[in-house]
Amino acid sequence: VSNLQAISTFGTGPLRAVQIDARRGDIYAALYDDAARVVQPEVVTKP
């Protein structure tokens, strides 16, 4: 199970943005809906 997907289950909104530190000034991030389905895929990028 993706960490980002698991984190999204702690939200309450219809769209849930999840990000965690990826070091070097980057984040791992993704956007999920309220059923923990991917809306925007996981990426490593600048916040």
PDB file of all heavy atoms in Angstrom:
ATOM      1  N   VAL A   1       0.849  -1.196   0.000  1.00  0.00           N
ATOM      2  CA  VAL A   1       0.000   0.000   0.000  1.00  0.00           C
ATOM      3  C   VAL A   1       0.883   1.243   0.000  1.00  0.00           C
ATOM      4  O   VAL A   1       1.802   1.356   0.810  1.00  0.00           O
ATOM      5  CB  VAL A   1      -0.926   0.021   1.250  1.00  0.00           C
ATOM      6  CG1 VAL A   1      -1.724   1.315   1.321  1.00  0.00           C
ATOM      7  CG2 VAL A   1      -1.846  -1.192   1.252  1.00  0.00           C
ATOM      8  N   SER A   2       0.600   2.160  -0.888  1.00  0.00           N
ATOM      9  CA  SER A   2       1.332   3.420  -0.940  1.00  0.00           C
ATOM     10  C   SER A   2       1.154   4.201   0.357  1.00  0.00           C
ATOM     11  O   SER A   2       0.031   4.335   0.858  1.00  0.00           O
ATOM     12  CB  SER A   2       0.827   4.276  -2.107  1.00  0.00           C
ATOM     13  OG  SER A   2       1.248   5.616  -1.963  1.00  0.00           O
ATOM     14  N   ASN A   3       2.246   4.739   0.862  1.00  0.00           N
ATOM     15  CA  ASN A   3       2.166   5.586   2.056  1.00  0.00           C
ATOM     16  C   ASN A   3       1.240   6.776   1.806  1.00  0.00           C
ATOM     17  O   ASN A   3       0.465   7.161   2.681  1.00  0.00           O
ATOM     18  CB  ASN A   3       3.547   6.150   2.407  1.00  0.00           C
ATOM     19  CG  ASN A   3       4.495   5.113   2.881  1.00  0.00           C
ATOM     20  OD1 ASN A   3       4.374   3.950   2.543  1.00  0.00           O
ATOM     21  ND2 ASN A   3       5.464   5.525   3.660  1.00  0.00           N
ATOM     22  N   LEU A   4       1.355   7.372   0.630  1.00  0.00           N
ATOM     23  CA  LEU A   4       0.543   8.549   0.327  1.00  0.00           C
ATOM     24  C   LEU A   4      -0.937   8.203   0.321  1.00  0.00           C
ATOM     25  O   LEU A   4      -1.763   8.949   0.859  1.00  0.00           O
ATOM     26  CB  LEU A   4       0.971   9.156  -1.008  1.00  0.00           C
ATOM     27  CG  LEU A   4       2.416   9.669  -1.067  1.00  0.00           C
ATOM     28  CD1 LEU A   4       2.762  10.140  -2.468  1.00  0.00           C
ATOM     29  CD2 LEU A   4       2.667  10.773  -0.055  1.00  0.00           C
ATOM     30  N   GLN A   5      -1.293   7.063  -0.241  1.00  0.00           N
ATOM     31  CA  GLN A   5      -2.690   6.632  -0.228  1.00  0.00           C
ATOM     32  C   GLN A   5      -3.165   6.403   1.203  1.00  0.00           C
ATOM     33  O   GLN A   5      -4.266   6.813   1.575  1.00  0.00           O
ATOM     34  CB  GLN A   5      -2.867   5.358  -1.054  1.00  0.00           C
ATOM     35  CG  GLN A   5      -4.314   4.899  -1.116  1.00  0.00           C
ATOM     36  CD  GLN A   5      -4.483   3.552  -1.775  1.00  0.00           C
ATOM     37  OE1 GLN A   5      -3.578   2.714  -1.760  1.00  0.00           O
ATOM     38  NE2 GLN A   5      -5.647   3.320  -2.362  1.00  0.00           N
ATOM     39  N   ALA A   6      -2.344   5.750   2.015  1.00  0.00           N
ATOM     40  CA  ALA A   6      -2.726   5.494   3.410  1.00  0.00           C
ATOM     41  C   ALA A   6      -2.916   6.808   4.170  1.00  0.00           C
ATOM     42  O   ALA A   6      -3.875   6.957   4.929  1.00  0.00           O
ATOM     43  CB  ALA A   6      -1.679   4.624   4.092  1.00  0.00           C
ATOM     44  N   ILE A   7      -2.040   7.761   3.953  1.00  0.00           N
ATOM     45  CA  ILE A   7      -2.170   9.070   4.617  1.00  0.00           C
ATOM     46  C   ILE A   7      -3.473   9.749   4.217  1.00  0.00           C
ATOM     47  O   ILE A   7      -4.139  10.383   5.045  1.00  0.00           O
ATOM     48  CB  ILE A   7      -0.953   9.963   4.311  1.00  0.00           C
ATOM     49  CG1 ILE A   7       0.306   9.386   4.956  1.00  0.00           C
ATOM     50  CG2 ILE A   7      -1.189  11.403   4.783  1.00  0.00           C
ATOM     51  CD1 ILE A   7       1.609  10.001   4.461  1.00  0.00           C
ATOM     52  N   SER A   8      -3.878   9.602   2.958  1.00  0.00           N
ATOM     53  CA  SER A   8      -5.099  10.266   2.493  1.00  0.00           C
ATOM     54  C   SER A   8      -6.334   9.829   3.270  1.00  0.00           C
ATOM     55  O   SER A   8      -7.292  10.584   3.384  1.00  0.00           O
ATOM     56  CB  SER A   8      -5.310  10.029   0.991  1.00  0.00           C
ATOM     57  OG  SER A   8      -5.829   8.738   0.721  1.00  0.00           O
ATOM     58  N   THR A   9      -6.308   8.636   3.852  1.00  0.00           N
ATOM     59  CA  THR A   9      -7.477   8.146   4.594  1.00  0.00           C
ATOM     60  C   THR A   9      -7.696   8.899   5.905  1.00  0.00           C
ATOM     61  O   THR A   9      -8.751   8.755   6.514  1.00  0.00           O
ATOM     62  CB  THR A   9      -7.368   6.631   4.880  1.00  0.00           C
ATOM     63  OG1 THR A   9      -6.283   6.389   5.773  1.00  0.00           O
ATOM     64  CG2 THR A   9      -7.208   5.836   3.597  1.00  0.00           C
ATOM     65  N   PHE A  10      -6.738   9.698   6.316  1.00  0.00           N
ATOM     66  CA  PHE A  10      -6.898  10.493   7.537  1.00  0.00           C
ATOM     67  C   PHE A  10      -7.612  11.811   7.275  1.00  0.00           C
ATOM     68  O   PHE A  10      -7.911  12.551   8.204  1.00  0.00           O
ATOM     69  CB  PHE A  10      -5.532  10.746   8.196  1.00  0.00           C
ATOM     70  CG  PHE A  10      -4.952   9.520   8.818  1.00  0.00           C
ATOM     71  CD1 PHE A  10      -4.164   8.657   8.075  1.00  0.00           C
ATOM     72  CD2 PHE A  10      -5.211   9.196  10.146  1.00  0.00           C
ATOM     73  CE1 PHE A  10      -3.628   7.509   8.635  1.00  0.00           C
ATOM     74  CE2 PHE A  10      -4.690   8.050  10.723  1.00  0.00           C
ATOM     75  CZ  PHE A  10      -3.895   7.202   9.959  1.00  0.00           C
ATOM     76  N   GLY A  11      -7.890  12.117   6.023  1.00  0.00           N
ATOM     77  CA  GLY A  11      -8.596  13.347   5.680  1.00  0.00           C
ATOM     78  C   GLY A  11     -10.094  13.188   5.783  1.00  0.00           C
ATOM     79  O   GLY A  11     -10.612  12.081   5.979  1.00  0.00           O
ATOM     80  N   THR A  12     -10.798  14.307   5.624  1.00  0.00           N
ATOM     81  CA  THR A  12     -12.255  14.293   5.682  1.00  0.00           C
ATOM     82  C   THR A  12     -12.890  14.957   4.466  1.00  0.00           C
ATOM     83  O   THR A  12     -14.091  14.859   4.275  1.00  0.00           O
ATOM     84  CB  THR A  12     -12.762  15.013   6.953  1.00  0.00           C
ATOM     85  OG1 THR A  12     -12.250  16.354   6.952  1.00  0.00           O
ATOM     86  CG2 THR A  12     -12.315  14.295   8.216  1.00  0.00           C
ATOM     87  N   GLY A  13     -12.099  15.635   3.652  1.00  0.00           N
ATOM     88  CA  GLY A  13     -12.631  16.361   2.503  1.00  0.00           C
ATOM     89  C   GLY A  13     -12.810  15.469   1.291  1.00  0.00           C
ATOM     90  O   GLY A  13     -12.306  14.346   1.238  1.00  0.00           O
ATOM     91  N   PRO A  14     -13.515  15.980   0.269  1.00  0.00           N
ATOM     92  CA  PRO A  14     -13.717  15.206  -0.949  1.00  0.00           C
ATOM     93  C   PRO A  14     -12.439  15.060  -1.783  1.00  0.00           C
ATOM     94  O   PRO A  14     -12.268  14.061  -2.476  1.00  0.00           O
ATOM     95  CB  PRO A  14     -14.786  15.986  -1.717  1.00  0.00           C
ATOM     96  CG  PRO A  14     -14.789  17.348  -1.119  1.00  0.00           C
ATOM     97  CD  PRO A  14     -14.272  17.232   0.267  1.00  0.00           C
ATOM     98  N   LEU A  15     -11.535  16.045  -1.713  1.00  0.00           N
ATOM     99  CA  LEU A  15     -10.234  15.970  -2.375  1.00  0.00           C
ATOM    100  C   LEU A  15      -9.157  16.173  -1.326  1.00  0.00           C
ATOM    101  O   LEU A  15      -9.175  17.146  -0.573  1.00  0.00           O
ATOM    102  CB  LEU A  15     -10.099  17.040  -3.461  1.00  0.00           C
ATOM    103  CG  LEU A  15     -10.932  16.831  -4.718  1.00  0.00           C
ATOM    104  CD1 LEU A  15     -10.733  17.995  -5.676  1.00  0.00           C
ATOM    105  CD2 LEU A  15     -10.564  15.515  -5.402  1.00  0.00           C
ATOM    106  N   ARG A  16      -8.189  15.240  -1.308  1.00  0.00           N
ATOM    107  CA  ARG A  16      -7.195  15.229  -0.235  1.00  0.00           C
ATOM    108  C   ARG A  16      -5.789  15.259  -0.819  1.00  0.00           C
ATOM    109  O   ARG A  16      -5.369  14.326  -1.494  1.00  0.00           O
ATOM    110  CB  ARG A  16      -7.378  13.983   0.622  1.00  0.00           C
ATOM    111  CG  ARG A  16      -8.781  13.926   1.205  1.00  0.00           C
ATOM    112  CD  ARG A  16      -9.112  12.603   1.790  1.00  0.00           C
ATOM    113  NE  ARG A  16     -10.515  12.557   2.214  1.00  0.00           N
ATOM    114  CZ  ARG A  16     -11.035  11.564   2.870  1.00  0.00           C
ATOM    115  NH1 ARG A  16     -10.302  10.514   3.190  1.00  0.00           N
ATOM    116  NH2 ARG A  16     -12.304  11.592   3.208  1.00  0.00           N
ATOM    117  N   ALA A  17      -5.087  16.340  -0.551  1.00  0.00           N
ATOM    118  CA  ALA A  17      -3.712  16.508  -1.016  1.00  0.00           C
ATOM    119  C   ALA A  17      -2.771  15.968   0.051  1.00  0.00           C
ATOM    120  O   ALA A  17      -2.876  16.322   1.225  1.00  0.00           O
ATOM    121  CB  ALA A  17      -3.425  17.981  -1.276  1.00  0.00           C
ATOM    122  N   VAL A  18      -1.865  15.101  -0.376  1.00  0.00           N
ATOM    123  CA  VAL A  18      -0.929  14.471   0.553  1.00  0.00           C
ATOM    124  C   VAL A  18       0.486  14.750   0.077  1.00  0.00           C
ATOM    125  O   VAL A  18       0.787  14.599  -1.110  1.00  0.00           O
ATOM    126  CB  VAL A  18      -1.160  12.944   0.616  1.00  0.00           C
ATOM    127  CG1 VAL A  18      -0.181  12.292   1.569  1.00  0.00           C
ATOM    128  CG2 VAL A  18      -2.593  12.634   1.014  1.00  0.00           C
ATOM    129  N   GLN A  19       1.333  15.163   1.019  1.00  0.00           N
ATOM    130  CA  GLN A  19       2.737  15.361   0.684  1.00  0.00           C
ATOM    131  C   GLN A  19       3.604  14.967   1.865  1.00  0.00           C
ATOM    132  O   GLN A  19       3.203  15.131   3.011  1.00  0.00           O
ATOM    133  CB  GLN A  19       3.001  16.812   0.291  1.00  0.00           C
ATOM    134  CG  GLN A  19       2.787  17.803   1.416  1.00  0.00           C
ATOM    135  CD  GLN A  19       2.997  19.237   0.993  1.00  0.00           C
ATOM    136  OE1 GLN A  19       2.523  19.640  -0.057  1.00  0.00           O
ATOM    137  NE2 GLN A  19       3.692  19.999   1.809  1.00  0.00           N
ATOM    138  N   ILE A  20       4.773  14.400   1.558  1.00  0.00           N
ATOM    139  CA  ILE A  20       5.757  14.098   2.585  1.00  0.00           C
ATOM    140  C   ILE A  20       7.122  14.529   2.070  1.00  0.00           C
ATOM    141  O   ILE A  20       7.344  14.620   0.859  1.00  0.00           O
ATOM    142  CB  ILE A  20       5.753  12.602   2.995  1.00  0.00           C
ATOM    143  CG1 ILE A  20       5.972  11.681   1.791  1.00  0.00           C
ATOM    144  CG2 ILE A  20       4.477  12.239   3.729  1.00  0.00           C
ATOM    145  CD1 ILE A  20       6.069  10.194   2.161  1.00  0.00           C
ATOM    146  N   ASP A  21       8.017  14.770   2.987  1.00  0.00           N
ATOM    147  CA  ASP A  21       9.352  15.234   2.645  1.00  0.00           C
ATOM    148  C   ASP A  21      10.112  14.176   1.854  1.00  0.00           C
ATOM    149  O   ASP A  21      10.188  13.025   2.258  1.00  0.00           O
ATOM    150  CB  ASP A  21      10.107  15.575   3.936  1.00  0.00           C
ATOM    151  CG  ASP A  21      11.465  16.191   3.702  1.00  0.00           C
ATOM    152  OD1 ASP A  21      11.751  16.624   2.567  1.00  0.00           O
ATOM    153  OD2 ASP A  21      12.253  16.255   4.661  1.00  0.00           O
ATOM    154  N   ALA A  22      10.691  14.604   0.726  1.00  0.00           N
ATOM    155  CA  ALA A  22      11.502  13.709  -0.101  1.00  0.00           C
ATOM    156  C   ALA A  22      12.971  14.115  -0.044  1.00  0.00           C
ATOM    157  O   ALA A  22      13.783  13.590  -0.796  1.00  0.00           O
ATOM    158  CB  ALA A  22      11.000  13.720  -1.545  1.00  0.00           C
ATOM    159  N   ARG A  23      13.285  15.075   0.795  1.00  0.00           N
ATOM    160  CA  ARG A  23      14.647  15.608   0.955  1.00  0.00           C
ATOM    161  C   ARG A  23      15.068  16.404  -0.282  1.00  0.00           C
ATOM    162  O   ARG A  23      14.398  16.405  -1.284  1.00  0.00           O
ATOM    163  CB  ARG A  23      15.639  14.504   1.274  1.00  0.00           C
ATOM    164  CG  ARG A  23      15.123  13.588   2.376  1.00  0.00           C
ATOM    165  CD  ARG A  23      16.049  13.458   3.472  1.00  0.00           C
ATOM    166  NE  ARG A  23      15.380  12.640   4.484  1.00  0.00           N
ATOM    167  CZ  ARG A  23      15.918  12.326   5.576  1.00  0.00           C
ATOM    168  NH1 ARG A  23      17.126  12.707   5.847  1.00  0.00           N
ATOM    169  NH2 ARG A  23      15.268  11.609   6.461  1.00  0.00           N
ATOM    170  N   ARG A  24      16.181  17.078  -0.152  1.00  0.00           N
ATOM    171  CA  ARG A  24      16.730  17.911  -1.230  1.00  0.00           C
ATOM    172  C   ARG A  24      15.762  18.981  -1.707  1.00  0.00           C
ATOM    173  O   ARG A  24      15.760  19.356  -2.878  1.00  0.00           O
ATOM    174  CB  ARG A  24      17.172  17.059  -2.419  1.00  0.00           C
ATOM    175  CG  ARG A  24      18.327  16.153  -2.126  1.00  0.00           C
ATOM    176  CD  ARG A  24      18.762  15.460  -3.411  1.00  0.00           C
ATOM    177  NE  ARG A  24      19.167  14.118  -3.104  1.00  0.00           N
ATOM    178  CZ  ARG A  24      18.431  13.040  -3.291  1.00  0.00           C
ATOM    179  NH1 ARG A  24      17.250  13.100  -3.825  1.00  0.00           N
ATOM    180  NH2 ARG A  24      18.904  11.862  -2.976  1.00  0.00           N
ATOM    181  N   GLY A  25      14.867  19.450  -0.835  1.00  0.00           N
ATOM    182  CA  GLY A  25      13.905  20.475  -1.212  1.00  0.00           C
ATOM    183  C   GLY A  25      12.713  19.961  -1.994  1.00  0.00           C
ATOM    184  O   GLY A  25      11.896  20.737  -2.478  1.00  0.00           O
ATOM    185  N   ASP A  26      12.589  18.636  -2.133  1.00  0.00           N
ATOM    186  CA  ASP A  26      11.485  18.028  -2.878  1.00  0.00           C
ATOM    187  C   ASP A  26      10.462  17.416  -1.922  1.00  0.00           C
ATOM    188  O   ASP A  26      10.742  17.205  -0.740  1.00  0.00           O
ATOM    189  CB  ASP A  26      11.998  16.909  -3.788  1.00  0.00           C
ATOM    190  CG  ASP A  26      12.828  17.410  -4.953  1.00  0.00           C
ATOM    191  OD1 ASP A  26      12.629  18.562  -5.373  1.00  0.00           O
ATOM    192  OD2 ASP A  26      13.688  16.643  -5.426  1.00  0.00           O
ATOM    193  N   ILE A  27       9.306  17.114  -2.487  1.00  0.00           N
ATOM    194  CA  ILE A  27       8.269  16.375  -1.765  1.00  0.00           C
ATOM    195  C   ILE A  27       7.789  15.220  -2.637  1.00  0.00           C
ATOM    196  O   ILE A  27       7.882  15.271  -3.859  1.00  0.00           O
ATOM    197  CB  ILE A  27       7.059  17.265  -1.389  1.00  0.00           C
ATOM    198  CG1 ILE A  27       6.434  17.901  -2.647  1.00  0.00           C
ATOM    199  CG2 ILE A  27       7.429  18.295  -0.343  1.00  0.00           C
ATOM    200  CD1 ILE A  27       5.081  18.542  -2.410  1.00  0.00           C
ATOM    201  N   TYR A  28       7.299  14.178  -1.967  1.00  0.00           N
ATOM    202  CA  TYR A  28       6.500  13.155  -2.628  1.00  0.00           C
ATOM    203  C   TYR A  28       5.067  13.631  -2.431  1.00  0.00           C
ATOM    204  O   TYR A  28       4.682  13.997  -1.319  1.00  0.00           O
ATOM    205  CB  TYR A  28       6.656  11.792  -1.968  1.00  0.00           C
ATOM    206  CG  TYR A  28       8.049  11.219  -2.013  1.00  0.00           C
ATOM    207  CD1 TYR A  28       8.779  11.026  -0.847  1.00  0.00           C
ATOM    208  CD2 TYR A  28       8.624  10.838  -3.220  1.00  0.00           C
ATOM    209  CE1 TYR A  28      10.053  10.474  -0.877  1.00  0.00           C
ATOM    210  CE2 TYR A  28       9.899  10.286  -3.261  1.00  0.00           C
ATOM    211  CZ  TYR A  28      10.600  10.111  -2.091  1.00  0.00           C
ATOM    212  OH  TYR A  28      11.860   9.556  -2.123  1.00  0.00           O
ATOM    213  N   ALA A  29       4.264  13.610  -3.482  1.00  0.00           N
ATOM    214  CA  ALA A  29       2.914  14.154  -3.347  1.00  0.00           C
ATOM    215  C   ALA A  29       1.944  13.461  -4.295  1.00  0.00           C
ATOM    216  O   ALA A  29       2.340  12.907  -5.323  1.00  0.00           O
ATOM    217  CB  ALA A  29       2.932  15.647  -3.649  1.00  0.00           C
ATOM    218  N   ALA A  30       0.668  13.515  -3.927  1.00  0.00           N
ATOM    219  CA  ALA A  30      -0.412  12.998  -4.767  1.00  0.00           C
ATOM    220  C   ALA A  30      -1.724  13.588  -4.273  1.00  0.00           C
ATOM    221  O   ALA A  30      -1.806  14.108  -3.150  1.00  0.00           O
ATOM    222  CB  ALA A  30      -0.465  11.478  -4.723  1.00  0.00           C
ATOM    223  N   LEU A  31      -2.732  13.491  -5.114  1.00  0.00           N
ATOM    224  CA  LEU A  31      -4.068  13.964  -4.766  1.00  0.00           C
ATOM    225  C   LEU A  31      -5.024  12.781  -4.853  1.00  0.00           C
ATOM    226  O   LEU A  31      -5.007  12.028  -5.839  1.00  0.00           O
ATOM    227  CB  LEU A  31      -4.513  15.075  -5.730  1.00  0.00           C
ATOM    228  CG  LEU A  31      -5.866  15.722  -5.452  1.00  0.00           C
ATOM    229  CD1 LEU A  31      -5.858  16.454  -4.105  1.00  0.00           C
ATOM    230  CD2 LEU A  31      -6.223  16.695  -6.578  1.00  0.00           C
ATOM    231  N   TYR A  32      -5.847  12.614  -3.809  1.00  0.00           N
ATOM    232  CA  TYR A  32      -6.788  11.498  -3.716  1.00  0.00           C
ATOM    233  C   TYR A  32      -8.197  12.021  -3.487  1.00  0.00           C
ATOM    234  O   TYR A  32      -8.390  13.123  -2.987  1.00  0.00           O
ATOM    235  CB  TYR A  32      -6.410  10.574  -2.542  1.00  0.00           C
ATOM    236  CG  TYR A  32      -5.093   9.896  -2.745  1.00  0.00           C
ATOM    237  CD1 TYR A  32      -3.909  10.488  -2.333  1.00  0.00           C
ATOM    238  CD2 TYR A  32      -5.016   8.654  -3.367  1.00  0.00           C
ATOM    239  CE1 TYR A  32      -2.680   9.875  -2.533  1.00  0.00           C
ATOM    240  CE2 TYR A  32      -3.802   8.032  -3.574  1.00  0.00           C
ATOM    241  CZ  TYR A  32      -2.639   8.647  -3.155  1.00  0.00           C
ATOM    242  OH  TYR A  32      -1.434   8.040  -3.365  1.00  0.00           O
ATOM    243  N   ASP A  33      -9.174  11.167  -3.795  1.00  0.00           N
ATOM    244  CA  ASP A  33     -10.554  11.509  -3.459  1.00  0.00           C
ATOM    245  C   ASP A  33     -10.887  10.893  -2.104  1.00  0.00           C
ATOM    246  O   ASP A  33     -10.025  10.284  -1.454  1.00  0.00           O
ATOM    247  CB  ASP A  33     -11.523  11.087  -4.565  1.00  0.00           C
ATOM    248  CG  ASP A  33     -11.657   9.572  -4.734  1.00  0.00           C
ATOM    249  OD1 ASP A  33     -11.182   8.797  -3.871  1.00  0.00           O
ATOM    250  OD2 ASP A  33     -12.255   9.164  -5.749  1.00  0.00           O
ATOM    251  N   ASP A  34     -12.141  11.019  -1.695  1.00  0.00           N
ATOM    252  CA  ASP A  34     -12.527  10.544  -0.356  1.00  0.00           C
ATOM    253  C   ASP A  34     -12.632   9.030  -0.253  1.00  0.00           C
ATOM    254  O   ASP A  34     -12.866   8.496   0.823  1.00  0.00           O
ATOM    255  CB  ASP A  34     -13.820  11.204   0.105  1.00  0.00           C
ATOM    256  CG  ASP A  34     -14.978  11.007  -0.862  1.00  0.00           C
ATOM    257  OD1 ASP A  34     -14.792  10.375  -1.930  1.00  0.00           O
ATOM    258  OD2 ASP A  34     -16.079  11.497  -0.551  1.00  0.00           O
ATOM    259  N   ALA A  35     -12.428   8.321  -1.362  1.00  0.00           N
ATOM    260  CA  ALA A  35     -12.375   6.856  -1.336  1.00  0.00           C
ATOM    261  C   ALA A  35     -10.942   6.364  -1.518  1.00  0.00           C
ATOM    262  O   ALA A  35     -10.711   5.195  -1.821  1.00  0.00           O
ATOM    263  CB  ALA A  35     -13.277   6.276  -2.427  1.00  0.00           C
ATOM    264  N   ALA A  36      -9.977   7.263  -1.339  1.00  0.00           N
ATOM    265  CA  ALA A  36      -8.539   6.964  -1.462  1.00  0.00           C
ATOM    266  C   ALA A  36      -8.150   6.540  -2.881  1.00  0.00           C
ATOM    267  O   ALA A  36      -7.184   5.816  -3.065  1.00  0.00           O
ATOM    268  CB  ALA A  36      -8.095   5.926  -0.431  1.00  0.00           C
ATOM    269  N   ARG A  37      -8.916   7.018  -3.873  1.00  0.00           N
ATOM    270  CA  ARG A  37      -8.566   6.768  -5.282  1.00  0.00           C
ATOM    271  C   ARG A  37      -7.715   7.926  -5.785  1.00  0.00           C
ATOM    272  O   ARG A  37      -7.967   9.092  -5.448  1.00  0.00           O
ATOM    273  CB  ARG A  37      -9.824   6.634  -6.138  1.00  0.00           C
ATOM    274  CG  ARG A  37     -10.637   5.385  -5.844  1.00  0.00           C
ATOM    275  CD  ARG A  37     -11.843   5.308  -6.745  1.00  0.00           C
ATOM    276  NE  ARG A  37     -12.712   6.462  -6.517  1.00  0.00           N
ATOM    277  CZ  ARG A  37     -13.972   6.392  -6.091  1.00  0.00           C
ATOM    278  NH1 ARG A  37     -14.524   5.215  -5.860  1.00  0.00           N
ATOM    279  NH2 ARG A  37     -14.681   7.479  -5.912  1.00  0.00           N
ATOM    280  N   VAL A  38      -6.740   7.616  -6.625  1.00  0.00           N
ATOM    281  CA  VAL A  38      -5.825   8.625  -7.149  1.00  0.00           C
ATOM    282  C   VAL A  38      -6.558   9.574  -8.093  1.00  0.00           C
ATOM    283  O   VAL A  38      -7.232   9.141  -9.026  1.00  0.00           O
ATOM    284  CB  VAL A  38      -4.646   7.961  -7.899  1.00  0.00           C
ATOM    285  CG1 VAL A  38      -3.769   9.003  -8.558  1.00  0.00           C
ATOM    286  CG2 VAL A  38      -3.831   7.109  -6.958  1.00  0.00           C
ATOM    287  N   VAL A  39      -6.405  10.879  -7.835  1.00  0.00           N
ATOM    288  CA  VAL A  39      -6.928  11.921  -8.713  1.00  0.00           C
ATOM    289  C   VAL A  39      -5.772  12.516  -9.519  1.00  0.00           C
ATOM    290  O   VAL A  39      -5.891  12.742 -10.719  1.00  0.00           O
ATOM    291  CB  VAL A  39      -7.658  13.027  -7.910  1.00  0.00           C
ATOM    292  CG1 VAL A  39      -8.101  14.171  -8.805  1.00  0.00           C
ATOM    293  CG2 VAL A  39      -8.842  12.433  -7.151  1.00  0.00           C
ATOM    294  N   GLN A  40      -4.659  12.766  -8.850  1.00  0.00           N
ATOM    295  CA  GLN A  40      -3.408  13.166  -9.503  1.00  0.00           C
ATOM    296  C   GLN A  40      -2.340  12.212  -9.013  1.00  0.00           C
ATOM    297  O   GLN A  40      -2.178  12.016  -7.816  1.00  0.00           O
ATOM    298  CB  GLN A  40      -3.021  14.612  -9.164  1.00  0.00           C
ATOM    299  CG  GLN A  40      -3.898  15.654  -9.805  1.00  0.00           C
ATOM    300  CD  GLN A  40      -3.434  17.070  -9.478  1.00  0.00           C
ATOM    301  OE1 GLN A  40      -2.397  17.285  -8.861  1.00  0.00           O
ATOM    302  NE2 GLN A  40      -4.231  18.046  -9.890  1.00  0.00           N
ATOM    303  N   PRO A  41      -1.579  11.595  -9.932  1.00  0.00           N
ATOM    304  CA  PRO A  41      -0.650  10.530  -9.544  1.00  0.00           C
ATOM    305  C   PRO A  41       0.502  11.010  -8.666  1.00  0.00           C
ATOM    306  O   PRO A  41       0.798  12.202  -8.587  1.00  0.00           O
ATOM    307  CB  PRO A  41      -0.120  10.013 -10.893  1.00  0.00           C
ATOM    308  CG  PRO A  41      -0.323  11.141 -11.834  1.00  0.00           C
ATOM    309  CD  PRO A  41      -1.527  11.896 -11.358  1.00  0.00           C
ATOM    310  N   GLU A  42       1.132  10.039  -8.026  1.00  0.00           N
ATOM    311  CA  GLU A  42       2.267  10.309  -7.152  1.00  0.00           C
ATOM    312  C   GLU A  42       3.447  10.838  -7.961  1.00  0.00           C
ATOM    313  O   GLU A  42       3.768  10.322  -9.023  1.00  0.00           O
ATOM    314  CB  GLU A  42       2.674   9.033  -6.419  1.00  0.00           C
ATOM    315  CG  GLU A  42       1.580   8.523  -5.512  1.00  0.00           C
ATOM    316  CD  GLU A  42       1.937   7.247  -4.797  1.00  0.00           C
ATOM    317  OE1 GLU A  42       3.020   6.670  -5.045  1.00  0.00           O
ATOM    318  OE2 GLU A  42       1.125   6.810  -3.969  1.00  0.00           O
ATOM    319  N   VAL A  43       4.068  11.888  -7.415  1.00  0.00           N
ATOM    320  CA  VAL A  43       5.218  12.514  -8.062  1.00  0.00           C
ATOM    321  C   VAL A  43       6.246  12.891  -7.007  1.00  0.00           C
ATOM    322  O   VAL A  43       5.937  12.956  -5.815  1.00  0.00           O
ATOM    323  CB  VAL A  43       4.822  13.792  -8.845  1.00  0.00           C
ATOM    324  CG1 VAL A  43       3.915  13.466 -10.019  1.00  0.00           C
ATOM    325  CG2 VAL A  43       4.179  14.830  -7.928  1.00  0.00           C
ATOM    326  N   VAL A  44       7.455  13.145  -7.463  1.00  0.00           N
ATOM    327  CA  VAL A  44       8.455  13.797  -6.630  1.00  0.00           C
ATOM    328  C   VAL A  44       8.750  15.114  -7.329  1.00  0.00           C
ATOM    329  O   VAL A  44       9.061  15.139  -8.519  1.00  0.00           O
ATOM    330  CB  VAL A  44       9.723  12.923  -6.421  1.00  0.00           C
ATOM    331  CG1 VAL A  44      10.398  12.583  -7.721  1.00  0.00           C
ATOM    332  CG2 VAL A  44      10.681  13.585  -5.454  1.00  0.00           C
ATOM    333  N   THR A  45       8.587  16.219  -6.597  1.00  0.00           N
ATOM    334  CA  THR A  45       8.655  17.535  -7.210  1.00  0.00           C
ATOM    335  C   THR A  45       8.927  18.599  -6.154  1.00  0.00           C
ATOM    336  O   THR A  45       8.984  18.304  -4.963  1.00  0.00           O
ATOM    337  CB  THR A  45       7.333  17.829  -7.963  1.00  0.00           C
ATOM    338  OG1 THR A  45       7.459  19.041  -8.703  1.00  0.00           O
ATOM    339  CG2 THR A  45       6.151  17.929  -7.017  1.00  0.00           C
ATOM    340  N   LYS A  46       9.030  19.827  -6.611  1.00  0.00           N
ATOM    341  CA  LYS A  46       9.158  20.966  -5.693  1.00  0.00           C
ATOM    342  C   LYS A  46       7.765  21.292  -5.137  1.00  0.00           C
ATOM    343  O   LYS A  46       6.772  21.252  -5.871  1.00  0.00           O
ATOM    344  CB  LYS A  46       9.730  22.183  -6.409  1.00  0.00           C
ATOM    345  CG  LYS A  46      11.124  21.963  -6.965  1.00  0.00           C
ATOM    346  CD  LYS A  46      12.125  21.797  -5.851  1.00  0.00           C
ATOM    347  CE  LYS A  46      13.531  21.576  -6.412  1.00  0.00           C
ATOM    348  NZ  LYS A  46      14.399  20.937  -5.446  1.00  0.00           N
ATOM    349  N   PRO A  47       7.674  21.645  -3.853  1.00  0.00           N
ATOM    350  CA  PRO A  47       6.357  21.889  -3.242  1.00  0.00           C
ATOM    351  C   PRO A  47       5.541  22.965  -3.950  1.00  0.00           C
ATOM    352  O   PRO A  47       4.342  22.789  -4.179  1.00  0.00           O
ATOM    353  CB  PRO A  47       6.685  22.318  -1.812  1.00  0.00           C
ATOM    354  CG  PRO A  47       8.088  21.912  -1.570  1.00  0.00           C
ATOM    355  CD  PRO A  47       8.756  21.783  -2.891  1.00  0.00           C
TER     356      PRO A  47
END
